[in-house]
Protein backbone atom coordinates (compact mmCIF):
# COMPACT_ATOMS: atom_id res chain seq x y z
CA MET A 1 0.00 0.00 0.00
CA LYS A 2 1.36 3.39 -0.99
CA GLU A 3 1.95 5.90 1.80
CA SER A 4 -0.08 9.05 1.35
CA LYS A 5 1.47 12.47 1.80
CA PRO A 6 0.77 13.92 5.27
CA ARG A 7 -1.98 16.54 5.20
CA GLN A 8 -1.26 20.13 6.08
CA ARG A 9 -3.35 22.41 8.31
CA ALA A 10 -4.47 24.34 5.21
CA ASP A 11 -6.13 21.14 3.92
CA TYR A 12 -8.82 21.42 6.61
CA GLN A 13 -11.70 23.89 6.66
CA TYR A 14 -12.84 23.73 10.29
CA PHE A 15 -10.86 24.33 13.48
CA ASP A 16 -11.95 24.44 17.09
CA GLN A 17 -10.09 25.00 20.34
CA VAL A 18 -10.42 22.53 23.18
CA GLU A 19 -9.00 23.20 26.61
CA THR A 20 -7.30 20.36 28.41
CA ARG A 21 -7.79 19.62 32.07
CA TRP A 22 -5.07 18.79 34.55
CA ASN A 23 -6.11 15.12 34.71
CA ASP A 24 -5.99 14.74 30.89
CA ASN A 25 -2.21 14.33 31.11
CA ASP A 26 -0.01 11.69 32.67
CA ILE A 27 2.93 12.34 34.98
CA TYR A 28 5.18 13.03 31.97
CA GLY A 29 2.85 15.66 30.50
CA HIS A 30 1.55 13.41 27.70
CA MET A 31 -2.15 13.54 26.97
CA ASN A 32 -3.87 10.22 27.66
CA ASN A 33 -5.06 8.39 24.53
CA VAL A 34 -8.74 8.26 25.49
CA VAL A 35 -8.78 12.07 25.80
CA TYR A 36 -8.14 12.40 22.04
CA TYR A 37 -11.38 10.53 21.33
CA GLU A 38 -13.30 12.63 23.86
CA MET A 39 -12.03 15.75 22.09
CA PHE A 40 -12.94 14.38 18.65
CA ASP A 41 -16.45 13.70 19.92
CA SER A 42 -16.81 17.18 21.41
CA VAL A 43 -15.50 18.98 18.31
CA ILE A 44 -17.59 16.94 15.87
CA ASN A 45 -20.78 17.49 17.85
CA ARG A 46 -20.07 21.20 18.35
CA TYR A 47 -19.54 21.51 14.58
CA LEU A 48 -22.81 19.72 13.79
CA ILE A 49 -24.72 21.89 16.26
CA THR A 50 -23.21 25.26 15.26
CA GLU A 51 -23.57 24.56 11.53
CA GLY A 52 -27.25 23.69 11.97
CA CYS A 53 -26.86 20.04 11.02
CA LEU A 54 -27.95 18.73 14.42
CA ASN A 55 -30.68 20.04 16.70
CA ILE A 56 -30.16 18.26 20.01
CA SER A 57 -33.21 19.86 21.65
CA ASN A 58 -35.98 18.66 19.36
CA GLY A 59 -34.51 17.62 16.03
CA PRO A 60 -35.58 14.40 14.28
CA THR A 61 -32.02 13.12 13.78
CA ALA A 62 -29.25 11.81 16.00
CA GLY A 63 -25.59 12.49 15.30
CA ILE A 64 -23.70 9.22 14.94
CA ILE A 65 -20.00 8.97 14.16
CA PRO A 66 -19.65 5.52 12.54
CA GLU A 67 -15.86 5.35 12.61
CA THR A 68 -12.85 7.10 14.10
CA ARG A 69 -9.18 6.27 14.15
CA CYS A 70 -5.84 7.72 15.16
CA ARG A 71 -2.61 7.38 13.25
């Protein structure tokens, strides 16, 4: 399988800031792996809500992320 060229920040259209908490990091200052997925979930849902794609109060649809992965 051919390696794809790493994407650059300019390749993406949406950015969001997420603050980390003290307990998100281990003793060495590395963010725990599960925290990445929590952040993905938060950013994706915030995007869907702010862009009007998901109405969590009374909308007829539910936001489902069928697949995620880290490389």
